C-alpha atoms as a PDB file:
ATOM      1  CA  UNK A   1     117.122  42.816 177.196  1.00  0.00           C
ATOM      2  CA  UNK A   2     116.589  43.117 180.781  1.00  0.00           C
ATOM      3  CA  UNK A   3     118.828  45.106 182.865  1.00  0.00           C
ATOM      4  CA  UNK A   4     118.808  46.793 186.136  1.00  0.00           C
ATOM      5  CA  UNK A   5     119.945  50.445 186.781  1.00  0.00           C
ATOM      6  CA  UNK A   6     119.825  52.436 190.275  1.00  0.00           C
ATOM      7  CA  UNK A   7     117.833  55.660 190.094  1.00  0.00           C
ATOM      8  CA  UNK A   8     117.506  57.988 193.096  1.00  0.00           C
ATOM      9  CA  UNK A   9     118.563  55.219 195.341  1.00  0.00           C
ATOM     10  CA  UNK A  10     116.098  52.652 194.035  1.00  0.00           C
ATOM     11  CA  UNK A  11     116.854  49.974 191.644  1.00  0.00           C
ATOM     12  CA  UNK A  12     114.694  49.218 188.722  1.00  0.00           C
ATOM     13  CA  UNK A  13     114.316  46.547 186.497  1.00  0.00           C
ATOM     14  CA  UNK A  14     114.070  47.632 182.368  1.00  0.00           C
ATOM     15  CA  UNK A  15     113.846  45.753 179.369  1.00  0.00           C
ATOM     16  CA  UNK A  16     115.655  48.056 176.616  1.00  0.00           C
ATOM     17  CA  UNK A  17     118.461  47.598 174.568  1.00  0.00           C
ATOM     18  CA  UNK A  18     121.895  48.710 175.666  1.00  0.00           C
ATOM     19  CA  UNK A  19     122.042  51.771 173.137  1.00  0.00           C
ATOM     20  CA  UNK A  20     118.708  53.113 174.139  1.00  0.00           C
ATOM     21  CA  UNK A  21     119.111  56.365 175.580  1.00  0.00           C
ATOM     22  CA  UNK A  22     118.754  56.962 179.259  1.00  0.00           C
ATOM     23  CA  UNK A  23     116.185  59.701 178.819  1.00  0.00           C
ATOM     24  CA  UNK A  24     113.780  57.141 176.801  1.00  0.00           C
ATOM     25  CA  UNK A  25     114.104  54.933 179.878  1.00  0.00           C
ATOM     26  CA  UNK A  26     113.465  57.307 182.300  1.00  0.00           C
ATOM     27  CA  UNK A  27     110.486  58.819 180.559  1.00  0.00           C
ATOM     28  CA  UNK A  28     109.086  56.030 178.649  1.00  0.00           C
ATOM     29  CA  UNK A  29     109.999  52.843 180.256  1.00  0.00           C
ATOM     30  CA  UNK A  30     109.745  54.102 184.251  1.00  0.00           C
ATOM     31  CA  UNK A  31     107.419  57.039 183.602  1.00  0.00           C
ATOM     32  CA  UNK A  32     109.805  59.607 185.543  1.00  0.00           C
ATOM     33  CA  UNK A  33     108.798  62.514 183.504  1.00  0.00           C
ATOM     34  CA  UNK A  34     110.796  65.281 185.692  1.00  0.00           C
ATOM     35  CA  UNK A  35     113.739  65.097 183.465  1.00  0.00           C
ATOM     36  CA  UNK A  36     112.966  66.676 180.085  1.00  0.00           C
ATOM     37  CA  UNK A  37     113.684  66.180 176.444  1.00  0.00           C
ATOM     38  CA  UNK A  38     114.791  69.358 174.998  1.00  0.00           C
ATOM     39  CA  UNK A  39     117.255  69.350 171.861  1.00  0.00           C
ATOM     40  CA  UNK A  40     118.179  65.696 171.492  1.00  0.00           C
ATOM     41  CA  UNK A  41     121.984  66.886 170.890  1.00  0.00           C
ATOM     42  CA  UNK A  42     123.284  67.460 174.657  1.00  0.00           C
ATOM     43  CA  UNK A  43     123.101  71.086 174.056  1.00  0.00           C
ATOM     44  CA  UNK A  44     120.635  72.523 175.878  1.00  0.00           C
ATOM     45  CA  UNK A  45     120.660  70.698 179.368  1.00  0.00           C
ATOM     46  CA  UNK A  46     117.089  70.087 179.920  1.00  0.00           C
ATOM     47  CA  UNK A  47     117.815  66.281 180.087  1.00  0.00           C
ATOM     48  CA  UNK A  48     120.797  66.795 182.723  1.00  0.00           C
ATOM     49  CA  UNK A  49     120.917  63.921 185.315  1.00  0.00           C
ATOM     50  CA  UNK A  50     123.663  63.060 187.740  1.00  0.00           C
ATOM     51  CA  UNK A  51     125.522  59.715 187.223  1.00  0.00           C
ATOM     52  CA  UNK A  52     127.739  59.062 190.257  1.00  0.00           C
ATOM     53  CA  UNK A  53     127.374  62.779 191.151  1.00  0.00           C
ATOM     54  CA  UNK A  54     128.967  63.803 187.226  1.00  0.00           C
ATOM     55  CA  UNK A  55     126.668  66.034 185.153  1.00  0.00           C
ATOM     56  CA  UNK A  56     125.259  63.930 182.343  1.00  0.00           C
ATOM     57  CA  UNK A  57     123.186  64.560 179.424  1.00  0.00           C
ATOM     58  CA  UNK A  58     120.636  61.693 179.365  1.00  0.00           C
ATOM     59  CA  UNK A  59     119.569  62.275 175.700  1.00  0.00           C
ATOM     60  CA  UNK A  60     122.927  60.899 174.270  1.00  0.00           C
ATOM     61  CA  UNK A  61     123.749  58.677 177.214  1.00  0.00           C
ATOM     62  CA  UNK A  62     123.300  54.886 176.317  1.00  0.00           C
ATOM     63  CA  UNK A  63     121.770  52.462 178.836  1.00  0.00           C
ATOM     64  CA  UNK A  64     124.800  50.432 178.367  1.00  0.00           C
ATOM     65  CA  UNK A  65     127.225  53.559 179.813  1.00  0.00           C
ATOM     66  CA  UNK A  66     125.191  53.667 183.225  1.00  0.00           C
ATOM     67  CA  UNK A  67     126.237  50.182 184.379  1.00  0.00           C
ATOM     68  CA  UNK A  68     125.875  49.994 188.137  1.00  0.00           C
ATOM     69  CA  UNK A  69     126.699  53.594 188.684  1.00  0.00           C
ATOM     70  CA  UNK A  70     123.964  55.774 190.484  1.00  0.00           C
ATOM     71  CA  UNK A  71     121.706  58.108 188.455  1.00  0.00           C
ATOM     72  CA  UNK A  72     120.102  61.129 190.336  1.00  0.00           C
ATOM     73  CA  UNK A  73     117.276  62.725 188.460  1.00  0.00           C
ATOM     74  CA  UNK A  74     115.951  65.926 189.399  1.00  0.00           C
ATOM     75  CA  UNK A  75     113.433  63.944 191.488  1.00  0.00           C
ATOM     76  CA  UNK A  76     116.378  62.723 193.791  1.00  0.00           C
ATOM     77  CA  UNK A  77     117.547  66.140 194.503  1.00  0.00           C
ATOM     78  CA  UNK A  78     117.208  67.061 198.458  1.00  0.00           C
ATOM     79  CA  UNK A  79     117.967  69.671 200.623  1.00  0.00           C
ATOM     80  CA  UNK A  80     119.972  72.775 199.509  1.00  0.00           C
ATOM     81  CA  UNK A  81     120.393  71.148 195.807  1.00  0.00           C
ATOM     82  CA  UNK A  82     116.607  71.513 195.273  1.00  0.00           C
ATOM     83  CA  UNK A  83     116.138  74.959 197.361  1.00  0.00           C
ATOM     84  CA  UNK A  84     118.988  76.548 194.902  1.00  0.00           C
ATOM     85  CA  UNK A  85     117.623  74.902 191.680  1.00  0.00           C
ATOM     86  CA  UNK A  86     113.970  76.104 192.457  1.00  0.00           C
ATOM     87  CA  UNK A  87     115.667  79.658 193.523  1.00  0.00           C
ATOM     88  CA  UNK A  88     117.266  79.928 190.069  1.00  0.00           C
ATOM     89  CA  UNK A  89     114.678  78.621 188.210  1.00  0.00           C
ATOM     90  CA  UNK A  90     112.040  81.198 189.940  1.00  0.00           C
ATOM     91  CA  UNK A  91     114.719  83.975 189.073  1.00  0.00           C
ATOM     92  CA  UNK A  92     114.585  83.418 185.263  1.00  0.00           C
ATOM     93  CA  UNK A  93     110.779  82.556 185.291  1.00  0.00           C
ATOM     94  CA  UNK A  94     111.300  78.872 184.196  1.00  0.00           C
END
């Protein structure tokens, strides 16, 4: 089933079923591998993206839940957001 989603301010056409986890669409279909797989149960946060500014675990978010909302991955962070994230990761040696 073909659908379009907006990721990091760009529209992408994907061919996936509505129940496909957003993480698999990002990593498998779109080859956006910065968003990571961790636990697959929405517990660890490795797969976190923002959907319309709200943190969401992409491993348990079906493609159908995205609709026409904006998905922002770690690749889409800019300015103070990415600077703060890099500083936090450096502090804990990620």
